[in-house]
Amino acid sequence: MSLEQMFDALMMSYKSIPSSNQDLKNQNEYLRRQLGEATKQKQKALKSPPDSSQRDDSEAESHNLESTSEVEAPRRPRCERRLTNNSDDFKIDIPAFEGKLHPEESFDWHSTVEQVF
């Protein structure tokens, strides 16, 4: 590829940057509007009393919003974490290594840490 061809290719890619930049801005604006609508619907759903007919409508509308998005995959509902009382939860204090250069002391510290684990 000659120098002139490389220059022409670079100029063409440089000229295409503003149009791709504008495409990204348009996509960003579309997603902002979509997010704003979803947020408004969510706020309405939180403010209104729990009525089964209203809930079904809002769920259908939110599903329609999610299905129109090309970027976002359908989400599964969050599961609440279970708080379990494990008997294996414990804390161990490991002695701090003082950074001395004596190999015997560092070996002793290392063996103590291995015994703890």
PDB file of N, CA and C in Angstrom:
ATOM      1  N   MET A   1       0.857  -1.165   0.000  1.00  0.00           N
ATOM      2  CA  MET A   1       0.000   0.000   0.000  1.00  0.00           C
ATOM      3  C   MET A   1       0.906   1.232   0.000  1.00  0.00           C
ATOM      4  N   SER A   2       0.626   2.116  -0.912  1.00  0.00           N
ATOM      5  CA  SER A   2       1.474   3.293  -1.022  1.00  0.00           C
ATOM      6  C   SER A   2       1.116   4.312   0.053  1.00  0.00           C
ATOM      7  N   LEU A   3       1.957   5.282   0.221  1.00  0.00           N
ATOM      8  CA  LEU A   3       1.763   6.321   1.218  1.00  0.00           C
ATOM      9  C   LEU A   3       0.507   7.133   0.923  1.00  0.00           C
ATOM     10  N   GLU A   4       0.256   7.402  -0.350  1.00  0.00           N
ATOM     11  CA  GLU A   4      -0.941   8.155  -0.716  1.00  0.00           C
ATOM     12  C   GLU A   4      -2.212   7.374  -0.414  1.00  0.00           C
ATOM     13  N   GLN A   5      -2.202   6.089  -0.652  1.00  0.00           N
ATOM     14  CA  GLN A   5      -3.367   5.249  -0.360  1.00  0.00           C
ATOM     15  C   GLN A   5      -3.626   5.195   1.144  1.00  0.00           C
ATOM     16  N   MET A   6      -2.552   5.092   1.901  1.00  0.00           N
ATOM     17  CA  MET A   6      -2.696   5.083   3.365  1.00  0.00           C
ATOM     18  C   MET A   6      -3.256   6.411   3.848  1.00  0.00           C
ATOM     19  N   PHE A   7      -2.789   7.498   3.266  1.00  0.00           N
ATOM     20  CA  PHE A   7      -3.275   8.823   3.639  1.00  0.00           C
ATOM     21  C   PHE A   7      -4.758   8.961   3.292  1.00  0.00           C
ATOM     22  N   ASP A   8      -5.155   8.494   2.111  1.00  0.00           N
ATOM     23  CA  ASP A   8      -6.558   8.547   1.710  1.00  0.00           C
ATOM     24  C   ASP A   8      -7.435   7.722   2.647  1.00  0.00           C
ATOM     25  N   ALA A   9      -6.954   6.542   3.025  1.00  0.00           N
ATOM     26  CA  ALA A   9      -7.717   5.695   3.938  1.00  0.00           C
ATOM     27  C   ALA A   9      -7.870   6.368   5.304  1.00  0.00           C
ATOM     28  N   LEU A  10      -6.806   6.989   5.785  1.00  0.00           N
ATOM     29  CA  LEU A  10      -6.880   7.696   7.065  1.00  0.00           C
ATOM     30  C   LEU A  10      -7.832   8.877   6.988  1.00  0.00           C
ATOM     31  N   MET A  11      -7.821   9.603   5.899  1.00  0.00           N
ATOM     32  CA  MET A  11      -8.716  10.747   5.732  1.00  0.00           C
ATOM     33  C   MET A  11     -10.176  10.305   5.683  1.00  0.00           C
ATOM     34  N   MET A  12     -10.443   9.189   5.025  1.00  0.00           N
ATOM     35  CA  MET A  12     -11.810   8.678   4.961  1.00  0.00           C
ATOM     36  C   MET A  12     -12.292   8.264   6.345  1.00  0.00           C
ATOM     37  N   SER A  13     -11.419   7.602   7.121  1.00  0.00           N
ATOM     38  CA  SER A  13     -11.822   7.203   8.469  1.00  0.00           C
ATOM     39  C   SER A  13     -11.982   8.427   9.361  1.00  0.00           C
ATOM     40  N   TYR A  14     -11.159   9.444   9.133  1.00  0.00           N
ATOM     41  CA  TYR A  14     -11.266  10.685   9.905  1.00  0.00           C
ATOM     42  C   TYR A  14     -12.581  11.396   9.589  1.00  0.00           C
ATOM     43  N   LYS A  15     -12.987  11.380   8.335  1.00  0.00           N
ATOM     44  CA  LYS A  15     -14.234  12.031   7.938  1.00  0.00           C
ATOM     45  C   LYS A  15     -15.455  11.275   8.447  1.00  0.00           C
ATOM     46  N   SER A  16     -15.333   9.972   8.683  1.00  0.00           N
ATOM     47  CA  SER A  16     -16.471   9.182   9.169  1.00  0.00           C
ATOM     48  C   SER A  16     -16.659   9.301  10.679  1.00  0.00           C
ATOM     49  N   ILE A  17     -15.690   9.848  11.384  1.00  0.00           N
ATOM     50  CA  ILE A  17     -15.786   9.964  12.847  1.00  0.00           C
ATOM     51  C   ILE A  17     -16.964  10.827  13.275  1.00  0.00           C
ATOM     52  N   PRO A  18     -17.197  12.018  12.709  1.00  0.00           N
ATOM     53  CA  PRO A  18     -18.342  12.817  13.160  1.00  0.00           C
ATOM     54  C   PRO A  18     -19.683  12.114  12.979  1.00  0.00           C
ATOM     55  N   SER A  19     -19.851  11.380  11.881  1.00  0.00           N
ATOM     56  CA  SER A  19     -21.132  10.699  11.680  1.00  0.00           C
ATOM     57  C   SER A  19     -21.307   9.565  12.685  1.00  0.00           C
ATOM     58  N   SER A  20     -20.249   8.812  12.968  1.00  0.00           N
ATOM     59  CA  SER A  20     -20.369   7.751  13.968  1.00  0.00           C
ATOM     60  C   SER A  20     -20.552   8.348  15.354  1.00  0.00           C
ATOM     61  N   ASN A  21     -19.925   9.501  15.595  1.00  0.00           N
ATOM     62  CA  ASN A  21     -20.099  10.188  16.868  1.00  0.00           C
ATOM     63  C   ASN A  21     -21.559  10.628  17.027  1.00  0.00           C
ATOM     64  N   GLN A  22     -22.150  11.137  15.963  1.00  0.00           N
ATOM     65  CA  GLN A  22     -23.550  11.561  16.006  1.00  0.00           C
ATOM     66  C   GLN A  22     -24.466  10.358  16.222  1.00  0.00           C
ATOM     67  N   ASP A  23     -24.146   9.227  15.601  1.00  0.00           N
ATOM     68  CA  ASP A  23     -24.932   8.009  15.814  1.00  0.00           C
ATOM     69  C   ASP A  23     -24.897   7.593  17.277  1.00  0.00           C
ATOM     70  N   LEU A  24     -23.734   7.672  17.884  1.00  0.00           N
ATOM     71  CA  LEU A  24     -23.611   7.329  19.299  1.00  0.00           C
ATOM     72  C   LEU A  24     -24.391   8.300  20.175  1.00  0.00           C
ATOM     73  N   LYS A  25     -24.363   9.590  19.838  1.00  0.00           N
ATOM     74  CA  LYS A  25     -25.138  10.570  20.595  1.00  0.00           C
ATOM     75  C   LYS A  25     -26.627  10.286  20.482  1.00  0.00           C
ATOM     76  N   ASN A  26     -27.098   9.952  19.282  1.00  0.00           N
ATOM     77  CA  ASN A  26     -28.509   9.625  19.104  1.00  0.00           C
ATOM     78  C   ASN A  26     -28.906   8.389  19.897  1.00  0.00           C
ATOM     79  N   GLN A  27     -28.055   7.380  19.881  1.00  0.00           N
ATOM     80  CA  GLN A  27     -28.334   6.160  20.640  1.00  0.00           C
ATOM     81  C   GLN A  27     -28.352   6.455  22.135  1.00  0.00           C
ATOM     82  N   ASN A  28     -27.426   7.285  22.592  1.00  0.00           N
ATOM     83  CA  ASN A  28     -27.363   7.672  23.996  1.00  0.00           C
ATOM     84  C   ASN A  28     -28.640   8.402  24.406  1.00  0.00           C
ATOM     85  N   GLU A  29     -29.098   9.322  23.576  1.00  0.00           N
ATOM     86  CA  GLU A  29     -30.322  10.070  23.872  1.00  0.00           C
ATOM     87  C   GLU A  29     -31.534   9.148  23.911  1.00  0.00           C
ATOM     88  N   TYR A  30     -31.605   8.217  22.977  1.00  0.00           N
ATOM     89  CA  TYR A  30     -32.708   7.253  22.962  1.00  0.00           C
ATOM     90  C   TYR A  30     -32.722   6.433  24.255  1.00  0.00           C
ATOM     91  N   LEU A  31     -31.556   5.953  24.662  1.00  0.00           N
ATOM     92  CA  LEU A  31     -31.476   5.153  25.887  1.00  0.00           C
ATOM     93  C   LEU A  31     -31.801   5.982  27.117  1.00  0.00           C
ATOM     94  N   ARG A  32     -31.417   7.257  27.127  1.00  0.00           N
ATOM     95  CA  ARG A  32     -31.770   8.135  28.248  1.00  0.00           C
ATOM     96  C   ARG A  32     -33.277   8.303  28.358  1.00  0.00           C
ATOM     97  N   ARG A  33     -33.934   8.532  27.207  1.00  0.00           N
ATOM     98  CA  ARG A  33     -35.391   8.675  27.232  1.00  0.00           C
ATOM     99  C   ARG A  33     -36.053   7.394  27.717  1.00  0.00           C
ATOM    100  N   GLN A  34     -35.560   6.268  27.238  1.00  0.00           N
ATOM    101  CA  GLN A  34     -36.119   4.986  27.637  1.00  0.00           C
ATOM    102  C   GLN A  34     -35.930   4.747  29.140  1.00  0.00           C
ATOM    103  N   LEU A  35     -34.766   5.097  29.643  1.00  0.00           N
ATOM    104  CA  LEU A  35     -34.501   4.958  31.073  1.00  0.00           C
ATOM    105  C   LEU A  35     -35.380   5.902  31.881  1.00  0.00           C
ATOM    106  N   GLY A  36     -35.574   7.124  31.393  1.00  0.00           N
ATOM    107  CA  GLY A  36     -36.446   8.072  32.078  1.00  0.00           C
ATOM    108  C   GLY A  36     -37.875   7.572  32.162  1.00  0.00           C
ATOM    109  N   GLU A  37     -38.381   7.013  31.077  1.00  0.00           N
ATOM    110  CA  GLU A  37     -39.739   6.472  31.084  1.00  0.00           C
ATOM    111  C   GLU A  37     -39.850   5.304  32.058  1.00  0.00           C
ATOM    112  N   ALA A  38     -38.862   4.438  32.060  1.00  0.00           N
ATOM    113  CA  ALA A  38     -38.882   3.294  32.970  1.00  0.00           C
ATOM    114  C   ALA A  38     -38.815   3.758  34.421  1.00  0.00           C
ATOM    115  N   THR A  39     -38.032   4.790  34.684  1.00  0.00           N
ATOM    116  CA  THR A  39     -37.920   5.326  36.042  1.00  0.00           C
ATOM    117  C   THR A  39     -39.246   5.931  36.490  1.00  0.00           C
ATOM    118  N   LYS A  40     -39.904   6.674  35.605  1.00  0.00           N
ATOM    119  CA  LYS A  40     -41.207   7.261  35.940  1.00  0.00           C
ATOM    120  C   LYS A  40     -42.230   6.174  36.250  1.00  0.00           C
ATOM    121  N   GLN A  41     -42.244   5.131  35.447  1.00  0.00           N
ATOM    122  CA  GLN A  41     -43.185   4.035  35.687  1.00  0.00           C
ATOM    123  C   GLN A  41     -42.889   3.339  37.012  1.00  0.00           C
ATOM    124  N   LYS A  42     -41.629   3.179  37.306  1.00  0.00           N
ATOM    125  CA  LYS A  42     -41.248   2.532  38.568  1.00  0.00           C
ATOM    126  C   LYS A  42     -41.663   3.394  39.754  1.00  0.00           C
ATOM    127  N   GLN A  43     -41.481   4.721  39.649  1.00  0.00           N
ATOM    128  CA  GLN A  43     -41.884   5.621  40.725  1.00  0.00           C
ATOM    129  C   GLN A  43     -43.389   5.607  40.901  1.00  0.00           C
ATOM    130  N   LYS A  44     -44.152   5.572  39.802  1.00  0.00           N
ATOM    131  CA  LYS A  44     -45.602   5.489  39.898  1.00  0.00           C
ATOM    132  C   LYS A  44     -46.021   4.196  40.583  1.00  0.00           C
ATOM    133  N   ALA A  45     -45.344   3.108  40.236  1.00  0.00           N
ATOM    134  CA  ALA A  45     -45.672   1.816  40.827  1.00  0.00           C
ATOM    135  C   ALA A  45     -45.354   1.802  42.319  1.00  0.00           C
ATOM    136  N   LEU A  46     -44.299   2.476  42.721  1.00  0.00           N
ATOM    137  CA  LEU A  46     -43.946   2.512  44.142  1.00  0.00           C
ATOM    138  C   LEU A  46     -44.887   3.405  44.927  1.00  0.00           C
ATOM    139  N   LYS A  47     -45.375   4.485  44.313  1.00  0.00           N
ATOM    140  CA  LYS A  47     -46.260   5.409  45.003  1.00  0.00           C
ATOM    141  C   LYS A  47     -47.696   4.899  45.087  1.00  0.00           C
ATOM    142  N   SER A  48     -48.136   4.130  44.105  1.00  0.00           N
ATOM    143  CA  SER A  48     -49.519   3.662  44.102  1.00  0.00           C
ATOM    144  C   SER A  48     -49.679   2.488  45.051  1.00  0.00           C
ATOM    145  N   PRO A  49     -50.912   2.319  45.621  1.00  0.00           N
ATOM    146  CA  PRO A  49     -51.143   1.177  46.514  1.00  0.00           C
ATOM    147  C   PRO A  49     -51.098  -0.118  45.714  1.00  0.00           C
ATOM    148  N   PRO A  50     -50.699  -1.192  46.368  1.00  0.00           N
ATOM    149  CA  PRO A  50     -50.581  -2.466  45.643  1.00  0.00           C
ATOM    150  C   PRO A  50     -51.952  -2.984  45.225  1.00  0.00           C
ATOM    151  N   ASP A  51     -52.295  -2.811  43.972  1.00  0.00           N
ATOM    152  CA  ASP A  51     -53.534  -3.286  43.393  1.00  0.00           C
ATOM    153  C   ASP A  51     -53.155  -4.238  42.283  1.00  0.00           C
ATOM    154  N   SER A  52     -53.757  -5.406  42.248  1.00  0.00           N
ATOM    155  CA  SER A  52     -53.325  -6.426  41.303  1.00  0.00           C
ATOM    156  C   SER A  52     -53.510  -5.999  39.862  1.00  0.00           C
ATOM    157  N   SER A  53     -54.571  -5.250  39.547  1.00  0.00           N
ATOM    158  CA  SER A  53     -54.774  -4.852  38.148  1.00  0.00           C
ATOM    159  C   SER A  53     -53.736  -3.832  37.717  1.00  0.00           C
ATOM    160  N   GLN A  54     -53.389  -2.888  38.611  1.00  0.00           N
ATOM    161  CA  GLN A  54     -52.369  -1.907  38.273  1.00  0.00           C
ATOM    162  C   GLN A  54     -51.005  -2.563  38.149  1.00  0.00           C
ATOM    163  N   ARG A  55     -50.739  -3.526  39.013  1.00  0.00           N
ATOM    164  CA  ARG A  55     -49.457  -4.202  38.986  1.00  0.00           C
ATOM    165  C   ARG A  55     -49.275  -4.970  37.685  1.00  0.00           C
ATOM    166  N   ASP A  56     -50.330  -5.637  37.215  1.00  0.00           N
ATOM    167  CA  ASP A  56     -50.243  -6.380  35.972  1.00  0.00           C
ATOM    168  C   ASP A  56     -49.974  -5.444  34.799  1.00  0.00           C
ATOM    169  N   ASP A  57     -50.626  -4.263  34.780  1.00  0.00           N
ATOM    170  CA  ASP A  57     -50.404  -3.305  33.706  1.00  0.00           C
ATOM    171  C   ASP A  57     -48.973  -2.791  33.711  1.00  0.00           C
ATOM    172  N   SER A  58     -48.477  -2.441  34.904  1.00  0.00           N
ATOM    173  CA  SER A  58     -47.116  -1.893  34.964  1.00  0.00           C
ATOM    174  C   SER A  58     -46.082  -2.939  34.604  1.00  0.00           C
ATOM    175  N   GLU A  59     -46.346  -4.206  34.992  1.00  0.00           N
ATOM    176  CA  GLU A  59     -45.411  -5.259  34.617  1.00  0.00           C
ATOM    177  C   GLU A  59     -45.412  -5.475  33.110  1.00  0.00           C
ATOM    178  N   ALA A  60     -46.587  -5.381  32.492  1.00  0.00           N
ATOM    179  CA  ALA A  60     -46.653  -5.550  31.043  1.00  0.00           C
ATOM    180  C   ALA A  60     -45.943  -4.407  30.344  1.00  0.00           C
ATOM    181  N   GLU A  61     -46.116  -3.178  30.838  1.00  0.00           N
ATOM    182  CA  GLU A  61     -45.450  -2.036  30.236  1.00  0.00           C
ATOM    183  C   GLU A  61     -43.942  -2.131  30.408  1.00  0.00           C
ATOM    184  N   SER A  62     -43.494  -2.526  31.597  1.00  0.00           N
ATOM    185  CA  SER A  62     -42.051  -2.630  31.802  1.00  0.00           C
ATOM    186  C   SER A  62     -41.471  -3.748  30.946  1.00  0.00           C
ATOM    187  N   HIS A  63     -42.250  -4.815  30.745  1.00  0.00           N
ATOM    188  CA  HIS A  63     -41.773  -5.885  29.879  1.00  0.00           C
ATOM    189  C   HIS A  63     -41.656  -5.392  28.439  1.00  0.00           C
ATOM    190  N   ASN A  64     -42.611  -4.569  28.008  1.00  0.00           N
ATOM    191  CA  ASN A  64     -42.542  -4.022  26.658  1.00  0.00           C
ATOM    192  C   ASN A  64     -41.312  -3.136  26.499  1.00  0.00           C
ATOM    193  N   LEU A  65     -40.988  -2.350  27.524  1.00  0.00           N
ATOM    194  CA  LEU A  65     -39.803  -1.502  27.450  1.00  0.00           C
ATOM    195  C   LEU A  65     -38.547  -2.333  27.325  1.00  0.00           C
ATOM    196  N   GLU A  66     -38.485  -3.405  28.114  1.00  0.00           N
ATOM    197  CA  GLU A  66     -37.288  -4.236  28.074  1.00  0.00           C
ATOM    198  C   GLU A  66     -37.156  -4.944  26.736  1.00  0.00           C
ATOM    199  N   SER A  67     -38.292  -5.348  26.142  1.00  0.00           N
ATOM    200  CA  SER A  67     -38.200  -6.092  24.901  1.00  0.00           C
ATOM    201  C   SER A  67     -37.829  -5.200  23.723  1.00  0.00           C
ATOM    202  N   THR A  68     -38.100  -3.865  23.829  1.00  0.00           N
ATOM    203  CA  THR A  68     -37.742  -2.984  22.732  1.00  0.00           C
ATOM    204  C   THR A  68     -36.267  -2.632  22.753  1.00  0.00           C
ATOM    205  N   SER A  69     -35.614  -2.834  23.864  1.00  0.00           N
ATOM    206  CA  SER A  69     -34.196  -2.505  23.955  1.00  0.00           C
ATOM    207  C   SER A  69     -33.379  -3.575  23.255  1.00  0.00           C
ATOM    208  N   GLU A  70     -32.508  -3.154  22.376  1.00  0.00           N
ATOM    209  CA  GLU A  70     -31.660  -4.102  21.674  1.00  0.00           C
ATOM    210  C   GLU A  70     -30.408  -4.420  22.461  1.00  0.00           C
ATOM    211  N   VAL A  71     -30.098  -3.571  23.442  1.00  0.00           N
ATOM    212  CA  VAL A  71     -28.847  -3.708  24.173  1.00  0.00           C
ATOM    213  C   VAL A  71     -29.015  -4.621  25.372  1.00  0.00           C
ATOM    214  N   GLU A  72     -30.126  -4.505  26.062  1.00  0.00           N
ATOM    215  CA  GLU A  72     -30.287  -5.146  27.350  1.00  0.00           C
ATOM    216  C   GLU A  72     -31.027  -6.468  27.222  1.00  0.00           C
ATOM    217  N   ALA A  73     -30.518  -7.498  27.866  1.00  0.00           N
ATOM    218  CA  ALA A  73     -31.171  -8.800  27.875  1.00  0.00           C
ATOM    219  C   ALA A  73     -32.247  -8.824  28.946  1.00  0.00           C
ATOM    220  N   PRO A  74     -33.238  -9.703  28.843  1.00  0.00           N
ATOM    221  CA  PRO A  74     -34.268  -9.776  29.888  1.00  0.00           C
ATOM    222  C   PRO A  74     -33.645 -10.135  31.230  1.00  0.00           C
ATOM    223  N   ARG A  75     -34.166  -9.515  32.267  1.00  0.00           N
ATOM    224  CA  ARG A  75     -33.597  -9.734  33.594  1.00  0.00           C
ATOM    225  C   ARG A  75     -34.456 -10.700  34.397  1.00  0.00           C
ATOM    226  N   ARG A  76     -33.781 -11.448  35.237  1.00  0.00           N
ATOM    227  CA  ARG A  76     -34.484 -12.300  36.176  1.00  0.00           C
ATOM    228  C   ARG A  76     -34.658 -11.520  37.471  1.00  0.00           C
ATOM    229  N   PRO A  77     -35.714 -11.786  38.218  1.00  0.00           N
ATOM    230  CA  PRO A  77     -35.888 -11.069  39.493  1.00  0.00           C
ATOM    231  C   PRO A  77     -34.781 -11.433  40.469  1.00  0.00           C
ATOM    232  N   ARG A  78     -34.440 -10.457  41.296  1.00  0.00           N
ATOM    233  CA  ARG A  78     -33.392 -10.697  42.291  1.00  0.00           C
ATOM    234  C   ARG A  78     -33.888 -11.639  43.365  1.00  0.00           C
ATOM    235  N   CYS A  79     -33.014 -12.497  43.783  1.00  0.00           N
ATOM    236  CA  CYS A  79     -33.321 -13.386  44.893  1.00  0.00           C
ATOM    237  C   CYS A  79     -32.742 -12.778  46.157  1.00  0.00           C
ATOM    238  N   GLU A  80     -33.512 -12.859  47.218  1.00  0.00           N
ATOM    239  CA  GLU A  80     -32.998 -12.340  48.484  1.00  0.00           C
ATOM    240  C   GLU A  80     -31.977 -13.311  49.035  1.00  0.00           C
ATOM    241  N   ARG A  81     -30.924 -12.753  49.600  1.00  0.00           N
ATOM    242  CA  ARG A  81     -29.906 -13.603  50.203  1.00  0.00           C
ATOM    243  C   ARG A  81     -30.426 -14.171  51.511  1.00  0.00           C
ATOM    244  N   ARG A  82     -30.130 -15.403  51.713  1.00  0.00           N
ATOM    245  CA  ARG A  82     -30.520 -16.033  52.960  1.00  0.00           C
ATOM    246  C   ARG A  82     -29.448 -15.783  54.001  1.00  0.00           C
ATOM    247  N   LEU A  83     -29.889 -15.383  55.139  1.00  0.00           N
ATOM    248  CA  LEU A  83     -28.954 -15.192  56.239  1.00  0.00           C
ATOM    249  C   LEU A  83     -28.890 -16.494  57.018  1.00  0.00           C
ATOM    250  N   THR A  84     -27.769 -17.155  56.920  1.00  0.00           N
ATOM    251  CA  THR A  84     -27.606 -18.419  57.631  1.00  0.00           C
ATOM    252  C   THR A  84     -26.671 -18.216  58.802  1.00  0.00           C
ATOM    253  N   ASN A  85     -26.865 -18.999  59.781  1.00  0.00           N
ATOM    254  CA  ASN A  85     -26.039 -18.924  60.972  1.00  0.00           C
ATOM    255  C   ASN A  85     -25.030 -20.061  60.898  1.00  0.00           C
ATOM    256  N   ASN A  86     -23.918 -19.817  60.256  1.00  0.00           N
ATOM    257  CA  ASN A  86     -22.898 -20.842  60.088  1.00  0.00           C
ATOM    258  C   ASN A  86     -22.046 -20.944  61.342  1.00  0.00           C
ATOM    259  N   SER A  87     -21.799 -22.161  61.734  1.00  0.00           N
ATOM    260  CA  SER A  87     -20.957 -22.367  62.904  1.00  0.00           C
ATOM    261  C   SER A  87     -19.476 -22.273  62.549  1.00  0.00           C
ATOM    262  N   ASP A  88     -19.157 -22.222  61.243  1.00  0.00           N
ATOM    263  CA  ASP A  88     -17.761 -22.153  60.848  1.00  0.00           C
ATOM    264  C   ASP A  88     -17.273 -20.716  60.655  1.00  0.00           C
ATOM    265  N   ASP A  89     -18.079 -19.724  61.050  1.00  0.00           N
ATOM    266  CA  ASP A  89     -17.642 -18.330  60.979  1.00  0.00           C
ATOM    267  C   ASP A  89     -16.798 -18.021  62.207  1.00  0.00           C
ATOM    268  N   PHE A  90     -15.541 -17.703  61.997  1.00  0.00           N
ATOM    269  CA  PHE A  90     -14.657 -17.371  63.107  1.00  0.00           C
ATOM    270  C   PHE A  90     -13.578 -16.430  62.639  1.00  0.00           C
ATOM    271  N   LYS A  91     -12.909 -15.813  63.579  1.00  0.00           N
ATOM    272  CA  LYS A  91     -11.851 -14.868  63.265  1.00  0.00           C
ATOM    273  C   LYS A  91     -10.580 -15.316  63.980  1.00  0.00           C
ATOM    274  N   ILE A  92      -9.478 -15.224  63.262  1.00  0.00           N
ATOM    275  CA  ILE A  92      -8.193 -15.632  63.822  1.00  0.00           C
ATOM    276  C   ILE A  92      -7.236 -14.452  63.722  1.00  0.00           C
ATOM    277  N   ASP A  93      -6.524 -14.215  64.787  1.00  0.00           N
ATOM    278  CA  ASP A  93      -5.504 -13.167  64.773  1.00  0.00           C
ATOM    279  C   ASP A  93      -4.173 -13.791  64.380  1.00  0.00           C
ATOM    280  N   ILE A  94      -3.638 -13.314  63.266  1.00  0.00           N
ATOM    281  CA  ILE A  94      -2.337 -13.798  62.790  1.00  0.00           C
ATOM    282  C   ILE A  94      -1.286 -12.812  63.269  1.00  0.00           C
ATOM    283  N   PRO A  95      -0.196 -13.321  63.839  1.00  0.00           N
ATOM    284  CA  PRO A  95       0.836 -12.394  64.305  1.00  0.00           C
ATOM    285  C   PRO A  95       1.447 -11.614  63.136  1.00  0.00           C
ATOM    286  N   ALA A  96       1.735 -10.359  63.365  1.00  0.00           N
ATOM    287  CA  ALA A  96       2.304  -9.493  62.324  1.00  0.00           C
ATOM    288  C   ALA A  96       3.768  -9.848  62.104  1.00  0.00           C
ATOM    289  N   PHE A  97       4.170  -9.848  60.841  1.00  0.00           N
ATOM    290  CA  PHE A  97       5.571 -10.084  60.513  1.00  0.00           C
ATOM    291  C   PHE A  97       6.306  -8.759  60.637  1.00  0.00           C
ATOM    292  N   GLU A  98       7.352  -8.756  61.391  1.00  0.00           N
ATOM    293  CA  GLU A  98       8.061  -7.518  61.679  1.00  0.00           C
ATOM    294  C   GLU A  98       9.123  -7.196  60.633  1.00  0.00           C
ATOM    295  N   GLY A  99       9.307  -8.038  59.658  1.00  0.00           N
ATOM    296  CA  GLY A  99      10.201  -7.749  58.548  1.00  0.00           C
ATOM    297  C   GLY A  99      11.677  -7.848  58.883  1.00  0.00           C
ATOM    298  N   LYS A 100      12.025  -8.620  59.859  1.00  0.00           N
ATOM    299  CA  LYS A 100      13.433  -8.773  60.204  1.00  0.00           C
ATOM    300  C   LYS A 100      14.129  -9.661  59.177  1.00  0.00           C
ATOM    301  N   LEU A 101      15.427  -9.498  59.064  1.00  0.00           N
ATOM    302  CA  LEU A 101      16.174 -10.223  58.057  1.00  0.00           C
ATOM    303  C   LEU A 101      16.702 -11.571  58.539  1.00  0.00           C
ATOM    304  N   HIS A 102      16.405 -11.916  59.762  1.00  0.00           N
ATOM    305  CA  HIS A 102      16.878 -13.200  60.275  1.00  0.00           C
ATOM    306  C   HIS A 102      16.008 -14.320  59.709  1.00  0.00           C
ATOM    307  N   PRO A 103      16.610 -15.259  59.019  1.00  0.00           N
ATOM    308  CA  PRO A 103      15.817 -16.316  58.379  1.00  0.00           C
ATOM    309  C   PRO A 103      15.079 -17.198  59.374  1.00  0.00           C
ATOM    310  N   GLU A 104      15.658 -17.404  60.552  1.00  0.00           N
ATOM    311  CA  GLU A 104      15.000 -18.256  61.542  1.00  0.00           C
ATOM    312  C   GLU A 104      13.693 -17.624  62.014  1.00  0.00           C
ATOM    313  N   GLU A 105      13.690 -16.307  62.234  1.00  0.00           N
ATOM    314  CA  GLU A 105      12.476 -15.626  62.696  1.00  0.00           C
ATOM    315  C   GLU A 105      11.406 -15.622  61.602  1.00  0.00           C
ATOM    316  N   SER A 106      11.798 -15.399  60.362  1.00  0.00           N
ATOM    317  CA  SER A 106      10.807 -15.417  59.284  1.00  0.00           C
ATOM    318  C   SER A 106      10.263 -16.824  59.078  1.00  0.00           C
ATOM    319  N   PHE A 107      11.111 -17.837  59.258  1.00  0.00           N
ATOM    320  CA  PHE A 107      10.645 -19.217  59.154  1.00  0.00           C
ATOM    321  C   PHE A 107       9.672 -19.549  60.269  1.00  0.00           C
ATOM    322  N   ASP A 108       9.955 -19.093  61.488  1.00  0.00           N
ATOM    323  CA  ASP A 108       9.043 -19.319  62.611  1.00  0.00           C
ATOM    324  C   ASP A 108       7.686 -18.665  62.351  1.00  0.00           C
ATOM    325  N   TRP A 109       7.718 -17.432  61.835  1.00  0.00           N
ATOM    326  CA  TRP A 109       6.456 -16.725  61.538  1.00  0.00           C
ATOM    327  C   TRP A 109       5.668 -17.471  60.464  1.00  0.00           C
ATOM    328  N   HIS A 110       6.388 -17.919  59.428  1.00  0.00           N
ATOM    329  CA  HIS A 110       5.728 -18.635  58.338  1.00  0.00           C
ATOM    330  C   HIS A 110       5.108 -19.934  58.834  1.00  0.00           C
ATOM    331  N   SER A 111       5.786 -20.659  59.662  1.00  0.00           N
ATOM    332  CA  SER A 111       5.222 -21.932  60.177  1.00  0.00           C
ATOM    333  C   SER A 111       4.023 -21.656  61.086  1.00  0.00           C
ATOM    334  N   THR A 112       4.051 -20.544  61.837  1.00  0.00           N
ATOM    335  CA  THR A 112       2.902 -20.193  62.683  1.00  0.00           C
ATOM    336  C   THR A 112       1.674 -19.901  61.806  1.00  0.00           C
ATOM    337  N   VAL A 113       1.888 -19.172  60.712  1.00  0.00           N
ATOM    338  CA  VAL A 113       0.775 -18.847  59.816  1.00  0.00           C
ATOM    339  C   VAL A 113       0.247 -20.124  59.162  1.00  0.00           C
ATOM    340  N   GLU A 114       1.104 -21.024  58.797  1.00  0.00           N
ATOM    341  CA  GLU A 114       0.655 -22.297  58.195  1.00  0.00           C
ATOM    342  C   GLU A 114      -0.149 -23.091  59.196  1.00  0.00           C
ATOM    343  N   GLN A 115       0.232 -23.077  60.464  1.00  0.00           N
ATOM    344  CA  GLN A 115      -0.517 -23.812  61.480  1.00  0.00           C
ATOM    345  C   GLN A 115      -1.906 -23.210  61.665  1.00  0.00           C
ATOM    346  N   VAL A 116      -1.995 -21.883  61.573  1.00  0.00           N
ATOM    347  CA  VAL A 116      -3.296 -21.222  61.726  1.00  0.00           C
ATOM    348  C   VAL A 116      -4.232 -21.656  60.609  1.00  0.00           C
ATOM    349  N   PHE A 117      -3.711 -21.693  59.380  1.00  0.00           N
ATOM    350  CA  PHE A 117      -4.574 -22.072  58.251  1.00  0.00           C
ATOM    351  C   PHE A 117      -4.724 -23.569  58.150  1.00  0.00           C
TER     352      PHE A 117
END
